[in-house]
Amino acid sequence: MTLLFAVLLASTAIFLSVLCLTEPQSVIGLSRSHSVATSQPVEPQPPITTNNFFPEERDLTSCIGVLERPGCGSESRGGWRQTLILLAIFGGLAVVFGNIARGVIKNRRTQQQ
């Protein structure tokens, strides 16, 4: 019964998320007409070629690799948001492996009896 409830809850969540992400259609299945904006054209701007994550005073090829080398990167990287995501990942892994361990222990107890 719990598995059925979990499947229904997950299916409902997926259905509602898809429903919210799709564009509303009219009753007969045709898309709504979109109004055309008549604003003045915007002049093109040159692309931004600076990168806040690589130093400008060092050769870029010396900063590329698996591990970040000293002097490469910037203060823009990391911070409390990245630490929070890392903690969320570790928390999720702890929940998953905790459930696996609990299931294995429960299974072994029922086999021993």
PDB file of N, CA and C in Angstrom:
ATOM      1  N   MET A   1       0.819  -1.187   0.000  1.00  0.00           N
ATOM      2  CA  MET A   1       0.000   0.000   0.000  1.00  0.00           C
ATOM      3  C   MET A   1       0.870   1.260   0.000  1.00  0.00           C
ATOM      4  N   THR A   2       1.976   1.203   0.745  1.00  0.00           N
ATOM      5  CA  THR A   2       2.873   2.348   0.796  1.00  0.00           C
ATOM      6  C   THR A   2       3.539   2.564  -0.562  1.00  0.00           C
ATOM      7  N   LEU A   3       3.893   1.476  -1.244  1.00  0.00           N
ATOM      8  CA  LEU A   3       4.506   1.579  -2.563  1.00  0.00           C
ATOM      9  C   LEU A   3       3.522   2.180  -3.565  1.00  0.00           C
ATOM     10  N   LEU A   4       2.267   1.759  -3.481  1.00  0.00           N
ATOM     11  CA  LEU A   4       1.248   2.302  -4.370  1.00  0.00           C
ATOM     12  C   LEU A   4       1.069   3.803  -4.130  1.00  0.00           C
ATOM     13  N   PHE A   5       1.060   4.208  -2.872  1.00  0.00           N
ATOM     14  CA  PHE A   5       0.932   5.623  -2.543  1.00  0.00           C
ATOM     15  C   PHE A   5       2.121   6.411  -3.074  1.00  0.00           C
ATOM     16  N   ALA A   6       3.335   5.849  -2.947  1.00  0.00           N
ATOM     17  CA  ALA A   6       4.533   6.537  -3.435  1.00  0.00           C
ATOM     18  C   ALA A   6       4.499   6.677  -4.949  1.00  0.00           C
ATOM     19  N   VAL A   7       4.049   5.642  -5.646  1.00  0.00           N
ATOM     20  CA  VAL A   7       3.975   5.704  -7.103  1.00  0.00           C
ATOM     21  C   VAL A   7       2.934   6.732  -7.535  1.00  0.00           C
ATOM     22  N   LEU A   8       1.792   6.754  -6.874  1.00  0.00           N
ATOM     23  CA  LEU A   8       0.759   7.738  -7.208  1.00  0.00           C
ATOM     24  C   LEU A   8       1.228   9.159  -6.933  1.00  0.00           C
ATOM     25  N   LEU A   9       1.927   9.353  -5.833  1.00  0.00           N
ATOM     26  CA  LEU A   9       2.441  10.674  -5.496  1.00  0.00           C
ATOM     27  C   LEU A   9       3.481  11.128  -6.515  1.00  0.00           C
ATOM     28  N   ALA A  10       4.385  10.227  -6.913  1.00  0.00           N
ATOM     29  CA  ALA A  10       5.404  10.578  -7.903  1.00  0.00           C
ATOM     30  C   ALA A  10       4.766  10.866  -9.257  1.00  0.00           C
ATOM     31  N   SER A  11       3.777  10.067  -9.643  1.00  0.00           N
ATOM     32  CA  SER A  11       3.092  10.283 -10.921  1.00  0.00           C
ATOM     33  C   SER A  11       2.360  11.619 -10.929  1.00  0.00           C
ATOM     34  N   THR A  12       1.728  11.958  -9.826  1.00  0.00           N
ATOM     35  CA  THR A  12       1.037  13.238  -9.725  1.00  0.00           C
ATOM     36  C   THR A  12       2.018  14.399  -9.813  1.00  0.00           C
ATOM     37  N   ALA A  13       3.155  14.269  -9.154  1.00  0.00           N
ATOM     38  CA  ALA A  13       4.160  15.334  -9.191  1.00  0.00           C
ATOM     39  C   ALA A  13       4.701  15.519 -10.607  1.00  0.00           C
ATOM     40  N   ILE A  14       4.954  14.419 -11.309  1.00  0.00           N
ATOM     41  CA  ILE A  14       5.454  14.513 -12.684  1.00  0.00           C
ATOM     42  C   ILE A  14       4.397  15.133 -13.581  1.00  0.00           C
ATOM     43  N   PHE A  15       3.143  14.701 -13.429  1.00  0.00           N
ATOM     44  CA  PHE A  15       2.062  15.239 -14.246  1.00  0.00           C
ATOM     45  C   PHE A  15       1.900  16.738 -14.032  1.00  0.00           C
ATOM     46  N   LEU A  16       1.928  17.173 -12.779  1.00  0.00           N
ATOM     47  CA  LEU A  16       1.752  18.602 -12.499  1.00  0.00           C
ATOM     48  C   LEU A  16       2.925  19.426 -12.993  1.00  0.00           C
ATOM     49  N   SER A  17       4.138  18.896 -12.914  1.00  0.00           N
ATOM     50  CA  SER A  17       5.286  19.652 -13.411  1.00  0.00           C
ATOM     51  C   SER A  17       5.249  19.770 -14.921  1.00  0.00           C
ATOM     52  N   VAL A  18       4.838  18.705 -15.615  1.00  0.00           N
ATOM     53  CA  VAL A  18       4.713  18.786 -17.072  1.00  0.00           C
ATOM     54  C   VAL A  18       3.591  19.740 -17.446  1.00  0.00           C
ATOM     55  N   LEU A  19       2.511  19.697 -16.704  1.00  0.00           N
ATOM     56  CA  LEU A  19       1.379  20.570 -16.972  1.00  0.00           C
ATOM     57  C   LEU A  19       1.755  22.039 -16.810  1.00  0.00           C
ATOM     58  N   CYS A  20       2.572  22.341 -15.821  1.00  0.00           N
ATOM     59  CA  CYS A  20       2.977  23.725 -15.584  1.00  0.00           C
ATOM     60  C   CYS A  20       3.984  24.214 -16.617  1.00  0.00           C
ATOM     61  N   LEU A  21       4.768  23.308 -17.197  1.00  0.00           N
ATOM     62  CA  LEU A  21       5.807  23.710 -18.135  1.00  0.00           C
ATOM     63  C   LEU A  21       5.307  23.831 -19.571  1.00  0.00           C
ATOM     64  N   THR A  22       4.174  23.228 -19.889  1.00  0.00           N
ATOM     65  CA  THR A  22       3.688  23.288 -21.260  1.00  0.00           C
ATOM     66  C   THR A  22       2.902  24.563 -21.490  1.00  0.00           C
ATOM     67  N   GLU A  23       2.833  24.965 -22.746  1.00  0.00           N
ATOM     68  CA  GLU A  23       2.097  26.174 -23.112  1.00  0.00           C
ATOM     69  C   GLU A  23       0.614  25.849 -23.163  1.00  0.00           C
ATOM     70  N   PRO A  24      -0.230  26.702 -22.619  1.00  0.00           N
ATOM     71  CA  PRO A  24      -1.663  26.434 -22.654  1.00  0.00           C
ATOM     72  C   PRO A  24      -2.181  26.402 -24.085  1.00  0.00           C
ATOM     73  N   GLN A  25      -3.055  25.471 -24.373  1.00  0.00           N
ATOM     74  CA  GLN A  25      -3.638  25.316 -25.691  1.00  0.00           C
ATOM     75  C   GLN A  25      -5.105  25.729 -25.638  1.00  0.00           C
ATOM     76  N   SER A  26      -5.661  26.022 -26.792  1.00  0.00           N
ATOM     77  CA  SER A  26      -7.075  26.367 -26.829  1.00  0.00           C
ATOM     78  C   SER A  26      -7.909  25.091 -26.741  1.00  0.00           C
ATOM     79  N   VAL A  27      -9.223  25.242 -26.721  1.00  0.00           N
ATOM     80  CA  VAL A  27     -10.123  24.113 -26.532  1.00  0.00           C
ATOM     81  C   VAL A  27     -10.043  23.134 -27.700  1.00  0.00           C
ATOM     82  N   ILE A  28      -9.879  23.632 -28.909  1.00  0.00           N
ATOM     83  CA  ILE A  28      -9.870  22.739 -30.062  1.00  0.00           C
ATOM     84  C   ILE A  28      -8.474  22.218 -30.390  1.00  0.00           C
ATOM     85  N   GLY A  29      -7.474  22.515 -29.591  1.00  0.00           N
ATOM     86  CA  GLY A  29      -6.141  21.969 -29.768  1.00  0.00           C
ATOM     87  C   GLY A  29      -5.207  22.841 -30.578  1.00  0.00           C
ATOM     88  N   LEU A  30      -5.627  24.015 -30.961  1.00  0.00           N
ATOM     89  CA  LEU A  30      -4.763  24.917 -31.700  1.00  0.00           C
ATOM     90  C   LEU A  30      -4.077  25.863 -30.738  1.00  0.00           C
ATOM     91  N   SER A  31      -2.896  26.264 -31.086  1.00  0.00           N
ATOM     92  CA  SER A  31      -2.173  27.173 -30.196  1.00  0.00           C
ATOM     93  C   SER A  31      -2.789  28.564 -30.273  1.00  0.00           C
ATOM     94  N   ARG A  32      -2.624  29.302 -29.185  1.00  0.00           N
ATOM     95  CA  ARG A  32      -3.156  30.657 -29.127  1.00  0.00           C
ATOM     96  C   ARG A  32      -2.377  31.552 -30.073  1.00  0.00           C
ATOM     97  N   SER A  33      -3.048  32.588 -30.555  1.00  0.00           N
ATOM     98  CA  SER A  33      -2.352  33.539 -31.411  1.00  0.00           C
ATOM     99  C   SER A  33      -1.483  34.436 -30.531  1.00  0.00           C
ATOM    100  N   HIS A  34      -0.304  34.722 -31.016  1.00  0.00           N
ATOM    101  CA  HIS A  34       0.634  35.551 -30.270  1.00  0.00           C
ATOM    102  C   HIS A  34       0.656  36.937 -30.893  1.00  0.00           C
ATOM    103  N   SER A  35       0.696  37.937 -30.057  1.00  0.00           N
ATOM    104  CA  SER A  35       0.764  39.299 -30.577  1.00  0.00           C
ATOM    105  C   SER A  35       2.200  39.604 -30.992  1.00  0.00           C
ATOM    106  N   VAL A  36       2.366  40.392 -32.007  1.00  0.00           N
ATOM    107  CA  VAL A  36       3.675  40.743 -32.523  1.00  0.00           C
ATOM    108  C   VAL A  36       4.070  42.096 -31.945  1.00  0.00           C
ATOM    109  N   ALA A  37       5.242  42.157 -31.348  1.00  0.00           N
ATOM    110  CA  ALA A  37       5.729  43.405 -30.770  1.00  0.00           C
ATOM    111  C   ALA A  37       6.294  44.282 -31.868  1.00  0.00           C
ATOM    112  N   THR A  38       5.979  45.538 -31.818  1.00  0.00           N
ATOM    113  CA  THR A  38       6.478  46.480 -32.820  1.00  0.00           C
ATOM    114  C   THR A  38       7.350  47.512 -32.129  1.00  0.00           C
ATOM    115  N   SER A  39       8.508  47.088 -31.669  1.00  0.00           N
ATOM    116  CA  SER A  39       9.424  48.010 -31.005  1.00  0.00           C
ATOM    117  C   SER A  39      10.569  48.344 -31.951  1.00  0.00           C
ATOM    118  N   GLN A  40      11.344  49.329 -31.569  1.00  0.00           N
ATOM    119  CA  GLN A  40      12.477  49.749 -32.381  1.00  0.00           C
ATOM    120  C   GLN A  40      13.552  48.662 -32.342  1.00  0.00           C
ATOM    121  N   PRO A  41      14.262  48.432 -33.444  1.00  0.00           N
ATOM    122  CA  PRO A  41      15.314  47.406 -33.443  1.00  0.00           C
ATOM    123  C   PRO A  41      16.475  47.805 -32.535  1.00  0.00           C
ATOM    124  N   VAL A  42      17.037  46.821 -31.892  1.00  0.00           N
ATOM    125  CA  VAL A  42      18.156  47.041 -30.980  1.00  0.00           C
ATOM    126  C   VAL A  42      19.450  46.837 -31.754  1.00  0.00           C
ATOM    127  N   GLU A  43      20.388  47.747 -31.586  1.00  0.00           N
ATOM    128  CA  GLU A  43      21.666  47.627 -32.280  1.00  0.00           C
ATOM    129  C   GLU A  43      22.468  46.493 -31.656  1.00  0.00           C
ATOM    130  N   PRO A  44      23.136  45.685 -32.481  1.00  0.00           N
ATOM    131  CA  PRO A  44      23.921  44.570 -31.933  1.00  0.00           C
ATOM    132  C   PRO A  44      25.112  45.073 -31.132  1.00  0.00           C
ATOM    133  N   GLN A  45      25.411  44.373 -30.038  1.00  0.00           N
ATOM    134  CA  GLN A  45      26.532  44.727 -29.192  1.00  0.00           C
ATOM    135  C   GLN A  45      27.616  43.672 -29.353  1.00  0.00           C
ATOM    136  N   PRO A  46      28.861  44.055 -29.185  1.00  0.00           N
ATOM    137  CA  PRO A  46      29.930  43.061 -29.313  1.00  0.00           C
ATOM    138  C   PRO A  46      29.842  42.035 -28.179  1.00  0.00           C
ATOM    139  N   PRO A  47      30.265  40.803 -28.430  1.00  0.00           N
ATOM    140  CA  PRO A  47      30.177  39.785 -27.392  1.00  0.00           C
ATOM    141  C   PRO A  47      31.145  40.061 -26.240  1.00  0.00           C
ATOM    142  N   ILE A  48      30.788  39.583 -25.072  1.00  0.00           N
ATOM    143  CA  ILE A  48      31.634  39.742 -23.890  1.00  0.00           C
ATOM    144  C   ILE A  48      32.695  38.650 -23.935  1.00  0.00           C
ATOM    145  N   THR A  49      33.950  39.054 -23.906  1.00  0.00           N
ATOM    146  CA  THR A  49      35.039  38.080 -24.017  1.00  0.00           C
ATOM    147  C   THR A  49      35.811  37.909 -22.718  1.00  0.00           C
ATOM    148  N   THR A  50      35.398  38.545 -21.661  1.00  0.00           N
ATOM    149  CA  THR A  50      36.092  38.378 -20.388  1.00  0.00           C
ATOM    150  C   THR A  50      35.468  37.236 -19.606  1.00  0.00           C
ATOM    151  N   ASN A  51      36.295  36.578 -18.818  1.00  0.00           N
ATOM    152  CA  ASN A  51      35.839  35.472 -17.996  1.00  0.00           C
ATOM    153  C   ASN A  51      36.311  35.731 -16.569  1.00  0.00           C
ATOM    154  N   ASN A  52      35.386  35.768 -15.631  1.00  0.00           N
ATOM    155  CA  ASN A  52      35.748  36.061 -14.246  1.00  0.00           C
ATOM    156  C   ASN A  52      36.431  34.895 -13.554  1.00  0.00           C
ATOM    157  N   PHE A  53      36.406  33.710 -14.164  1.00  0.00           N
ATOM    158  CA  PHE A  53      36.931  32.531 -13.503  1.00  0.00           C
ATOM    159  C   PHE A  53      38.379  32.217 -13.850  1.00  0.00           C
ATOM    160  N   PHE A  54      38.953  32.876 -14.821  1.00  0.00           N
ATOM    161  CA  PHE A  54      40.346  32.647 -15.182  1.00  0.00           C
ATOM    162  C   PHE A  54      41.128  33.944 -15.011  1.00  0.00           C
ATOM    163  N   PRO A  55      42.359  33.856 -14.531  1.00  0.00           N
ATOM    164  CA  PRO A  55      43.150  35.074 -14.329  1.00  0.00           C
ATOM    165  C   PRO A  55      43.603  35.643 -15.671  1.00  0.00           C
ATOM    166  N   GLU A  56      43.689  36.958 -15.733  1.00  0.00           N
ATOM    167  CA  GLU A  56      44.122  37.611 -16.965  1.00  0.00           C
ATOM    168  C   GLU A  56      45.642  37.694 -17.061  1.00  0.00           C
ATOM    169  N   GLU A  57      46.357  37.590 -15.938  1.00  0.00           N
ATOM    170  CA  GLU A  57      47.806  37.755 -15.954  1.00  0.00           C
ATOM    171  C   GLU A  57      48.559  36.447 -16.204  1.00  0.00           C
ATOM    172  N   ARG A  58      47.856  35.304 -16.240  1.00  0.00           N
ATOM    173  CA  ARG A  58      48.506  34.013 -16.479  1.00  0.00           C
ATOM    174  C   ARG A  58      48.065  33.440 -17.810  1.00  0.00           C
ATOM    175  N   ASP A  59      48.892  32.518 -18.324  1.00  0.00           N
ATOM    176  CA  ASP A  59      48.539  31.815 -19.547  1.00  0.00           C
ATOM    177  C   ASP A  59      47.384  30.867 -19.254  1.00  0.00           C
ATOM    178  N   LEU A  60      46.381  30.875 -20.099  1.00  0.00           N
ATOM    179  CA  LEU A  60      45.190  30.071 -19.871  1.00  0.00           C
ATOM    180  C   LEU A  60      45.501  28.581 -19.890  1.00  0.00           C
ATOM    181  N   THR A  61      46.444  28.148 -20.697  1.00  0.00           N
ATOM    182  CA  THR A  61      46.751  26.715 -20.792  1.00  0.00           C
ATOM    183  C   THR A  61      47.383  26.185 -19.509  1.00  0.00           C
ATOM    184  N   SER A  62      47.988  27.033 -18.708  1.00  0.00           N
ATOM    185  CA  SER A  62      48.573  26.559 -17.452  1.00  0.00           C
ATOM    186  C   SER A  62      47.518  26.395 -16.358  1.00  0.00           C
ATOM    187  N   CYS A  63      46.292  26.879 -16.585  1.00  0.00           N
ATOM    188  CA  CYS A  63      45.235  26.784 -15.583  1.00  0.00           C
ATOM    189  C   CYS A  63      44.236  25.672 -15.881  1.00  0.00           C
ATOM    190  N   ILE A  64      44.343  25.035 -17.039  1.00  0.00           N
ATOM    191  CA  ILE A  64      43.387  23.999 -17.400  1.00  0.00           C
ATOM    192  C   ILE A  64      43.891  22.657 -16.890  1.00  0.00           C
ATOM    193  N   GLY A  65      43.037  21.923 -16.216  1.00  0.00           N
ATOM    194  CA  GLY A  65      43.388  20.611 -15.704  1.00  0.00           C
ATOM    195  C   GLY A  65      42.307  20.097 -14.779  1.00  0.00           C
ATOM    196  N   VAL A  66      42.544  18.904 -14.244  1.00  0.00           N
ATOM    197  CA  VAL A  66      41.564  18.296 -13.356  1.00  0.00           C
ATOM    198  C   VAL A  66      41.534  19.019 -12.014  1.00  0.00           C
ATOM    199  N   LEU A  67      42.696  19.310 -11.466  1.00  0.00           N
ATOM    200  CA  LEU A  67      42.785  20.015 -10.190  1.00  0.00           C
ATOM    201  C   LEU A  67      43.086  21.489 -10.438  1.00  0.00           C
ATOM    202  N   GLU A  68      42.507  22.335  -9.615  1.00  0.00           N
ATOM    203  CA  GLU A  68      42.773  23.762  -9.755  1.00  0.00           C
ATOM    204  C   GLU A  68      44.161  24.061  -9.207  1.00  0.00           C
ATOM    205  N   ARG A  69      44.947  24.696 -10.021  1.00  0.00           N
ATOM    206  CA  ARG A  69      46.317  25.018  -9.619  1.00  0.00           C
ATOM    207  C   ARG A  69      46.334  26.328  -8.834  1.00  0.00           C
ATOM    208  N   PRO A  70      47.349  26.528  -7.996  1.00  0.00           N
ATOM    209  CA  PRO A  70      47.438  27.787  -7.246  1.00  0.00           C
ATOM    210  C   PRO A  70      47.587  28.970  -8.195  1.00  0.00           C
ATOM    211  N   GLY A  71      46.890  30.037  -7.899  1.00  0.00           N
ATOM    212  CA  GLY A  71      46.945  31.247  -8.710  1.00  0.00           C
ATOM    213  C   GLY A  71      45.936  31.255  -9.835  1.00  0.00           C
ATOM    214  N   CYS A  72      45.262  30.135 -10.085  1.00  0.00           N
ATOM    215  CA  CYS A  72      44.225  30.079 -11.117  1.00  0.00           C
ATOM    216  C   CYS A  72      42.876  30.258 -10.449  1.00  0.00           C
ATOM    217  N   GLY A  73      41.901  30.653 -11.209  1.00  0.00           N
ATOM    218  CA  GLY A  73      40.571  30.841 -10.640  1.00  0.00           C
ATOM    219  C   GLY A  73      40.416  32.232 -10.077  1.00  0.00           C
ATOM    220  N   SER A  74      39.334  32.414  -9.355  1.00  0.00           N
ATOM    221  CA  SER A  74      39.072  33.725  -8.787  1.00  0.00           C
ATOM    222  C   SER A  74      38.271  33.554  -7.507  1.00  0.00           C
ATOM    223  N   GLU A  75      37.972  34.659  -6.883  1.00  0.00           N
ATOM    224  CA  GLU A  75      37.158  34.637  -5.680  1.00  0.00           C
ATOM    225  C   GLU A  75      35.682  34.427  -6.009  1.00  0.00           C
ATOM    226  N   SER A  76      35.327  34.503  -7.297  1.00  0.00           N
ATOM    227  CA  SER A  76      33.930  34.311  -7.697  1.00  0.00           C
ATOM    228  C   SER A  76      33.490  32.860  -7.568  1.00  0.00           C
ATOM    229  N   ARG A  77      34.427  31.939  -7.527  1.00  0.00           N
ATOM    230  CA  ARG A  77      34.089  30.528  -7.438  1.00  0.00           C
ATOM    231  C   ARG A  77      33.807  30.154  -5.990  1.00  0.00           C
ATOM    232  N   GLY A  78      32.987  29.123  -5.819  1.00  0.00           N
ATOM    233  CA  GLY A  78      32.716  28.597  -4.491  1.00  0.00           C
ATOM    234  C   GLY A  78      31.768  29.472  -3.709  1.00  0.00           C
ATOM    235  N   GLY A  79      31.999  29.529  -2.426  1.00  0.00           N
ATOM    236  CA  GLY A  79      31.131  30.321  -1.575  1.00  0.00           C
ATOM    237  C   GLY A  79      30.156  29.430  -0.824  1.00  0.00           C
ATOM    238  N   TRP A  80      29.242  30.059  -0.132  1.00  0.00           N
ATOM    239  CA  TRP A  80      28.328  29.306   0.731  1.00  0.00           C
ATOM    240  C   TRP A  80      27.307  28.523  -0.081  1.00  0.00           C
ATOM    241  N   ARG A  81      26.977  28.966  -1.289  1.00  0.00           N
ATOM    242  CA  ARG A  81      25.998  28.238  -2.101  1.00  0.00           C
ATOM    243  C   ARG A  81      26.555  26.900  -2.563  1.00  0.00           C
ATOM    244  N   GLN A  82      27.820  26.907  -2.963  1.00  0.00           N
ATOM    245  CA  GLN A  82      28.452  25.665  -3.396  1.00  0.00           C
ATOM    246  C   GLN A  82      28.592  24.705  -2.215  1.00  0.00           C
ATOM    247  N   THR A  83      28.907  25.219  -1.049  1.00  0.00           N
ATOM    248  CA  THR A  83      29.004  24.384   0.135  1.00  0.00           C
ATOM    249  C   THR A  83      27.638  23.809   0.499  1.00  0.00           C
ATOM    250  N   LEU A  84      26.589  24.599   0.353  1.00  0.00           N
ATOM    251  CA  LEU A  84      25.243  24.128   0.637  1.00  0.00           C
ATOM    252  C   LEU A  84      24.830  23.005  -0.318  1.00  0.00           C
ATOM    253  N   ILE A  85      25.197  23.122  -1.592  1.00  0.00           N
ATOM    254  CA  ILE A  85      24.890  22.058  -2.547  1.00  0.00           C
ATOM    255  C   ILE A  85      25.663  20.799  -2.209  1.00  0.00           C
ATOM    256  N   LEU A  86      26.917  20.936  -1.815  1.00  0.00           N
ATOM    257  CA  LEU A  86      27.713  19.776  -1.422  1.00  0.00           C
ATOM    258  C   LEU A  86      27.102  19.078  -0.210  1.00  0.00           C
ATOM    259  N   LEU A  87      26.638  19.840   0.764  1.00  0.00           N
ATOM    260  CA  LEU A  87      25.988  19.251   1.931  1.00  0.00           C
ATOM    261  C   LEU A  87      24.677  18.559   1.554  1.00  0.00           C
ATOM    262  N   ALA A  88      23.940  19.137   0.608  1.00  0.00           N
ATOM    263  CA  ALA A  88      22.696  18.499   0.151  1.00  0.00           C
ATOM    264  C   ALA A  88      22.989  17.187  -0.556  1.00  0.00           C
ATOM    265  N   ILE A  89      24.055  17.142  -1.346  1.00  0.00           N
ATOM    266  CA  ILE A  89      24.431  15.900  -2.026  1.00  0.00           C
ATOM    267  C   ILE A  89      24.827  14.848  -1.003  1.00  0.00           C
ATOM    268  N   PHE A  90      25.658  15.212  -0.039  1.00  0.00           N
ATOM    269  CA  PHE A  90      26.056  14.250   0.993  1.00  0.00           C
ATOM    270  C   PHE A  90      24.861  13.803   1.825  1.00  0.00           C
ATOM    271  N   GLY A  91      23.943  14.714   2.117  1.00  0.00           N
ATOM    272  CA  GLY A  91      22.732  14.336   2.848  1.00  0.00           C
ATOM    273  C   GLY A  91      21.892  13.350   2.062  1.00  0.00           C
ATOM    274  N   GLY A  92      21.730  13.584   0.767  1.00  0.00           N
ATOM    275  CA  GLY A  92      20.984  12.661  -0.078  1.00  0.00           C
ATOM    276  C   GLY A  92      21.646  11.296  -0.151  1.00  0.00           C
ATOM    277  N   LEU A  93      22.964  11.276  -0.276  1.00  0.00           N
ATOM    278  CA  LEU A  93      23.682   9.995  -0.290  1.00  0.00           C
ATOM    279  C   LEU A  93      23.531   9.268   1.038  1.00  0.00           C
ATOM    280  N   ALA A  94      23.561  10.001   2.147  1.00  0.00           N
ATOM    281  CA  ALA A  94      23.384   9.374   3.456  1.00  0.00           C
ATOM    282  C   ALA A  94      22.001   8.752   3.581  1.00  0.00           C
ATOM    283  N   VAL A  95      20.975   9.427   3.063  1.00  0.00           N
ATOM    284  CA  VAL A  95      19.614   8.869   3.107  1.00  0.00           C
ATOM    285  C   VAL A  95      19.526   7.608   2.259  1.00  0.00           C
ATOM    286  N   VAL A  96      20.088   7.642   1.054  1.00  0.00           N
ATOM    287  CA  VAL A  96      20.015   6.478   0.167  1.00  0.00           C
ATOM    288  C   VAL A  96      20.752   5.288   0.767  1.00  0.00           C
ATOM    289  N   PHE A  97      21.990   5.492   1.179  1.00  0.00           N
ATOM    290  CA  PHE A  97      22.753   4.373   1.719  1.00  0.00           C
ATOM    291  C   PHE A  97      22.232   3.937   3.085  1.00  0.00           C
ATOM    292  N   GLY A  98      21.644   4.855   3.833  1.00  0.00           N
ATOM    293  CA  GLY A  98      21.005   4.462   5.096  1.00  0.00           C
ATOM    294  C   GLY A  98      19.819   3.560   4.853  1.00  0.00           C
ATOM    295  N   ASN A  99      19.010   3.874   3.834  1.00  0.00           N
ATOM    296  CA  ASN A  99      17.883   3.004   3.501  1.00  0.00           C
ATOM    297  C   ASN A  99      18.350   1.646   3.005  1.00  0.00           C
ATOM    298  N   ILE A 100      19.423   1.611   2.236  1.00  0.00           N
ATOM    299  CA  ILE A 100      19.965   0.333   1.770  1.00  0.00           C
ATOM    300  C   ILE A 100      20.454  -0.492   2.950  1.00  0.00           C
ATOM    301  N   ALA A 101      21.190   0.128   3.863  1.00  0.00           N
ATOM    302  CA  ALA A 101      21.697  -0.595   5.028  1.00  0.00           C
ATOM    303  C   ALA A 101      20.551  -1.091   5.905  1.00  0.00           C
ATOM    304  N   ARG A 102      19.530  -0.273   6.082  1.00  0.00           N
ATOM    305  CA  ARG A 102      18.377  -0.683   6.882  1.00  0.00           C
ATOM    306  C   ARG A 102      17.668  -1.867   6.235  1.00  0.00           C
ATOM    307  N   GLY A 103      17.546  -1.850   4.912  1.00  0.00           N
ATOM    308  CA  GLY A 103      16.912  -2.969   4.217  1.00  0.00           C
ATOM    309  C   GLY A 103      17.713  -4.243   4.309  1.00  0.00           C
ATOM    310  N   VAL A 104      19.035  -4.138   4.213  1.00  0.00           N
ATOM    311  CA  VAL A 104      19.894  -5.324   4.325  1.00  0.00           C
ATOM    312  C   VAL A 104      19.810  -5.902   5.725  1.00  0.00           C
ATOM    313  N   ILE A 105      19.850  -5.060   6.729  1.00  0.00           N
ATOM    314  CA  ILE A 105      19.768  -5.542   8.120  1.00  0.00           C
ATOM    315  C   ILE A 105      18.419  -6.204   8.370  1.00  0.00           C
ATOM    316  N   LYS A 106      17.350  -5.608   7.882  1.00  0.00           N
ATOM    317  CA  LYS A 106      16.010  -6.177   8.056  1.00  0.00           C
ATOM    318  C   LYS A 106      15.893  -7.518   7.342  1.00  0.00           C
ATOM    319  N   ASN A 107      16.483  -7.608   6.139  1.00  0.00           N
ATOM    320  CA  ASN A 107      16.444  -8.858   5.382  1.00  0.00           C
ATOM    321  C   ASN A 107      17.234  -9.950   6.090  1.00  0.00           C
ATOM    322  N   ARG A 108      18.379  -9.630   6.632  1.00  0.00           N
ATOM    323  CA  ARG A 108      19.193 -10.629   7.337  1.00  0.00           C
ATOM    324  C   ARG A 108      18.496 -11.117   8.600  1.00  0.00           C
ATOM    325  N   ARG A 109      17.817 -10.221   9.303  1.00  0.00           N
ATOM    326  CA  ARG A 109      17.098 -10.629  10.516  1.00  0.00           C
ATOM    327  C   ARG A 109      15.974 -11.592  10.185  1.00  0.00           C
ATOM    328  N   THR A 110      15.260 -11.339   9.087  1.00  0.00           N
ATOM    329  CA  THR A 110      14.149 -12.233   8.735  1.00  0.00           C
ATOM    330  C   THR A 110      14.678 -13.582   8.232  1.00  0.00           C
ATOM    331  N   GLN A 111      15.872 -13.624   7.634  1.00  0.00           N
ATOM    332  CA  GLN A 111      16.443 -14.898   7.173  1.00  0.00           C
ATOM    333  C   GLN A 111      16.973 -15.721   8.338  1.00  0.00           C
ATOM    334  N   GLN A 112      17.429 -15.090   9.401  1.00  0.00           N
ATOM    335  CA  GLN A 112      17.964 -15.805  10.551  1.00  0.00           C
ATOM    336  C   GLN A 112      16.872 -16.413  11.404  1.00  0.00           C
ATOM    337  N   GLN A 113      15.667 -15.908  11.325  1.00  0.00           N
ATOM    338  CA  GLN A 113      14.586 -16.405  12.171  1.00  0.00           C
ATOM    339  C   GLN A 113      13.920 -17.607  11.586  1.00  0.00           C
TER     340      GLN A 113
END
